[in-house]
N, C-alpha and C. Protein backbone atom coordinates (compact mmCIF):
# COMPACT_ATOMS: atom_id res chain seq x y z
N MET A 1 304.24 66.23 42.45
CA MET A 1 304.99 66.68 41.27
C MET A 1 306.36 66.02 41.31
N GLY A 2 306.67 65.28 40.28
CA GLY A 2 307.97 64.66 40.23
C GLY A 2 308.37 64.26 38.83
N ILE A 3 309.66 64.39 38.56
CA ILE A 3 310.21 63.93 37.29
C ILE A 3 310.52 62.45 37.47
N GLU A 4 309.84 61.63 36.70
CA GLU A 4 309.98 60.18 36.85
C GLU A 4 311.07 59.59 35.97
N GLY A 5 311.37 60.27 34.86
CA GLY A 5 312.41 59.73 33.99
C GLY A 5 312.70 60.66 32.84
N THR A 6 313.87 60.48 32.29
CA THR A 6 314.26 61.24 31.10
C THR A 6 314.91 60.30 30.11
N ALA A 7 314.79 60.63 28.86
CA ALA A 7 315.45 59.90 27.78
C ALA A 7 315.75 60.94 26.70
N PHE A 8 316.54 60.56 25.72
CA PHE A 8 316.85 61.50 24.66
C PHE A 8 315.57 61.97 23.99
N GLY A 9 315.27 63.26 24.12
CA GLY A 9 314.10 63.83 23.46
C GLY A 9 312.80 63.74 24.21
N SER A 10 312.83 63.25 25.46
CA SER A 10 311.57 63.18 26.21
C SER A 10 311.83 63.26 27.71
N ILE A 11 310.78 63.64 28.42
CA ILE A 11 310.82 63.69 29.88
C ILE A 11 309.45 63.24 30.38
N THR A 12 309.44 62.48 31.46
CA THR A 12 308.19 61.99 32.04
C THR A 12 307.99 62.67 33.39
N ILE A 13 306.86 63.38 33.52
CA ILE A 13 306.54 64.09 34.74
C ILE A 13 305.14 63.65 35.18
N ASP A 14 305.06 63.14 36.39
CA ASP A 14 303.78 62.66 36.94
C ASP A 14 303.02 61.75 35.99
N GLY A 15 303.73 60.83 35.36
CA GLY A 15 303.11 59.84 34.50
C GLY A 15 302.83 60.28 33.08
N GLU A 16 303.08 61.55 32.77
CA GLU A 16 302.85 62.04 31.41
C GLU A 16 304.19 62.30 30.73
N THR A 17 304.35 61.78 29.52
CA THR A 17 305.60 61.94 28.77
C THR A 17 305.48 63.09 27.79
N TYR A 18 306.49 63.97 27.84
CA TYR A 18 306.54 65.14 26.96
C TYR A 18 307.72 64.96 26.02
N GLU A 19 307.50 65.23 24.73
CA GLU A 19 308.57 65.11 23.75
C GLU A 19 309.00 66.49 23.24
N HIS A 20 308.83 67.50 24.08
CA HIS A 20 309.27 68.86 23.76
C HIS A 20 309.79 69.48 25.06
N ASP A 21 310.46 70.61 24.95
CA ASP A 21 310.95 71.31 26.14
C ASP A 21 309.77 71.80 26.96
N VAL A 22 309.89 71.72 28.27
CA VAL A 22 308.82 72.16 29.15
C VAL A 22 309.34 73.12 30.21
N VAL A 23 308.42 73.86 30.77
CA VAL A 23 308.68 74.71 31.93
C VAL A 23 307.75 74.21 33.03
N ILE A 24 308.31 74.00 34.21
CA ILE A 24 307.48 73.62 35.36
C ILE A 24 307.32 74.88 36.20
N ARG A 25 306.11 75.39 36.26
CA ARG A 25 305.84 76.62 37.00
C ARG A 25 305.83 76.34 38.50
N LEU A 26 305.99 77.38 39.30
CA LEU A 26 305.99 77.22 40.75
C LEU A 26 304.70 76.58 41.25
N SER A 27 303.60 76.79 40.52
CA SER A 27 302.31 76.21 40.89
C SER A 27 302.25 74.71 40.61
N GLY A 28 303.26 74.19 39.86
CA GLY A 28 303.26 72.79 39.49
C GLY A 28 302.76 72.55 38.07
N GLU A 29 302.23 73.59 37.45
CA GLU A 29 301.74 73.47 36.07
C GLU A 29 302.92 73.23 35.13
N VAL A 30 302.75 72.30 34.19
CA VAL A 30 303.77 72.00 33.19
C VAL A 30 303.29 72.56 31.86
N VAL A 31 304.12 73.43 31.24
CA VAL A 31 303.74 74.04 29.97
C VAL A 31 304.89 73.90 28.98
N LYS A 32 304.55 73.94 27.70
CA LYS A 32 305.56 73.88 26.65
C LYS A 32 306.40 75.15 26.68
N ARG A 33 307.72 75.00 26.56
CA ARG A 33 308.61 76.15 26.55
C ARG A 33 308.57 76.82 25.19
N LYS A 34 308.43 78.14 25.19
CA LYS A 34 308.44 78.91 23.94
C LYS A 34 309.88 79.21 23.58
N LYS A 35 310.28 78.89 22.36
CA LYS A 35 311.67 79.07 21.94
C LYS A 35 311.89 80.30 21.08
N LYS A 36 310.84 81.02 20.74
CA LYS A 36 311.00 82.13 19.81
C LYS A 36 312.00 83.16 20.28
N LEU A 37 311.96 83.55 21.55
CA LEU A 37 312.88 84.56 22.05
C LEU A 37 314.32 84.06 21.97
N SER A 38 314.56 82.84 22.40
CA SER A 38 315.93 82.35 22.39
C SER A 38 316.46 82.22 20.96
N LYS A 39 315.61 81.89 20.00
CA LYS A 39 316.05 81.81 18.61
C LYS A 39 316.45 83.19 18.10
N LYS A 40 315.68 84.24 18.46
CA LYS A 40 316.01 85.60 18.05
C LYS A 40 317.35 86.01 18.63
N VAL A 41 317.55 85.75 19.90
CA VAL A 41 318.80 86.12 20.56
C VAL A 41 319.98 85.42 19.91
N LEU A 42 319.85 84.13 19.67
CA LEU A 42 320.94 83.37 19.07
C LEU A 42 321.26 83.86 17.65
N ARG A 43 320.24 84.22 16.88
CA ARG A 43 320.45 84.73 15.53
C ARG A 43 321.22 86.04 15.58
N HIS A 44 320.85 86.94 16.48
CA HIS A 44 321.54 88.23 16.59
C HIS A 44 322.99 88.02 17.05
N LEU A 45 323.20 87.11 17.98
CA LEU A 45 324.57 86.85 18.44
C LEU A 45 325.42 86.25 17.33
N ALA A 46 324.85 85.34 16.55
CA ALA A 46 325.60 84.73 15.45
C ALA A 46 326.00 85.79 14.43
N LEU A 47 325.09 86.70 14.10
CA LEU A 47 325.42 87.78 13.16
C LEU A 47 326.50 88.68 13.73
N ALA A 48 326.44 88.97 15.01
CA ALA A 48 327.44 89.84 15.64
C ALA A 48 328.82 89.19 15.60
N PHE A 49 328.88 87.90 15.87
CA PHE A 49 330.17 87.22 15.85
C PHE A 49 330.75 87.15 14.44
N GLU A 50 329.89 87.16 13.45
CA GLU A 50 330.35 87.17 12.07
C GLU A 50 330.75 88.58 11.63
N GLY A 51 330.49 89.57 12.50
CA GLY A 51 330.84 90.94 12.19
C GLY A 51 329.86 91.64 11.28
N ARG A 52 328.68 91.08 11.11
CA ARG A 52 327.69 91.65 10.20
C ARG A 52 326.65 92.50 10.90
N SER A 53 326.67 92.55 12.21
CA SER A 53 325.63 93.26 12.93
C SER A 53 326.13 93.66 14.31
N GLU A 54 325.43 94.58 14.94
CA GLU A 54 325.70 94.93 16.32
C GLU A 54 324.77 94.10 17.20
N VAL A 55 325.22 93.83 18.41
CA VAL A 55 324.33 93.17 19.37
C VAL A 55 323.51 94.27 20.02
N ARG A 56 322.22 94.16 19.94
CA ARG A 56 321.32 95.16 20.53
C ARG A 56 320.50 94.49 21.61
N PHE A 57 320.26 95.23 22.67
CA PHE A 57 319.48 94.68 23.77
C PHE A 57 318.06 95.22 23.69
N ARG A 58 317.12 94.33 23.86
CA ARG A 58 315.71 94.68 23.79
C ARG A 58 315.08 94.52 25.16
N LYS A 59 313.86 94.97 25.24
CA LYS A 59 313.12 94.84 26.49
C LYS A 59 313.17 93.40 26.98
N GLY A 60 313.49 93.23 28.24
CA GLY A 60 313.54 91.89 28.82
C GLY A 60 314.93 91.28 28.80
N MET A 61 315.86 91.88 28.07
CA MET A 61 317.23 91.36 28.01
C MET A 61 318.12 92.29 28.83
N ARG A 62 319.12 91.75 29.48
CA ARG A 62 320.00 92.56 30.32
C ARG A 62 321.42 92.53 29.76
N SER A 63 322.07 93.63 29.89
CA SER A 63 323.47 93.71 29.52
C SER A 63 324.29 93.13 30.65
N SER A 64 325.42 92.54 30.34
CA SER A 64 326.29 91.98 31.39
C SER A 64 327.24 93.02 31.94
N ARG A 65 327.11 94.26 31.51
CA ARG A 65 328.00 95.32 31.98
C ARG A 65 327.58 95.85 33.32
């Protein structure tokens, strides 16, 4: 298992080039990263900074307090 190269918008791992975000599992499996959760979090934070909403924590998210 090795990262052979990176370029803008792509990464090459063990001879295979990926043009999307990936997660390398401890087992060595390479899978596409799911962005849905991070998009939800960013949307809620953006609304909170605009003063239009409260930041709420959901299952799987931790407060920094």
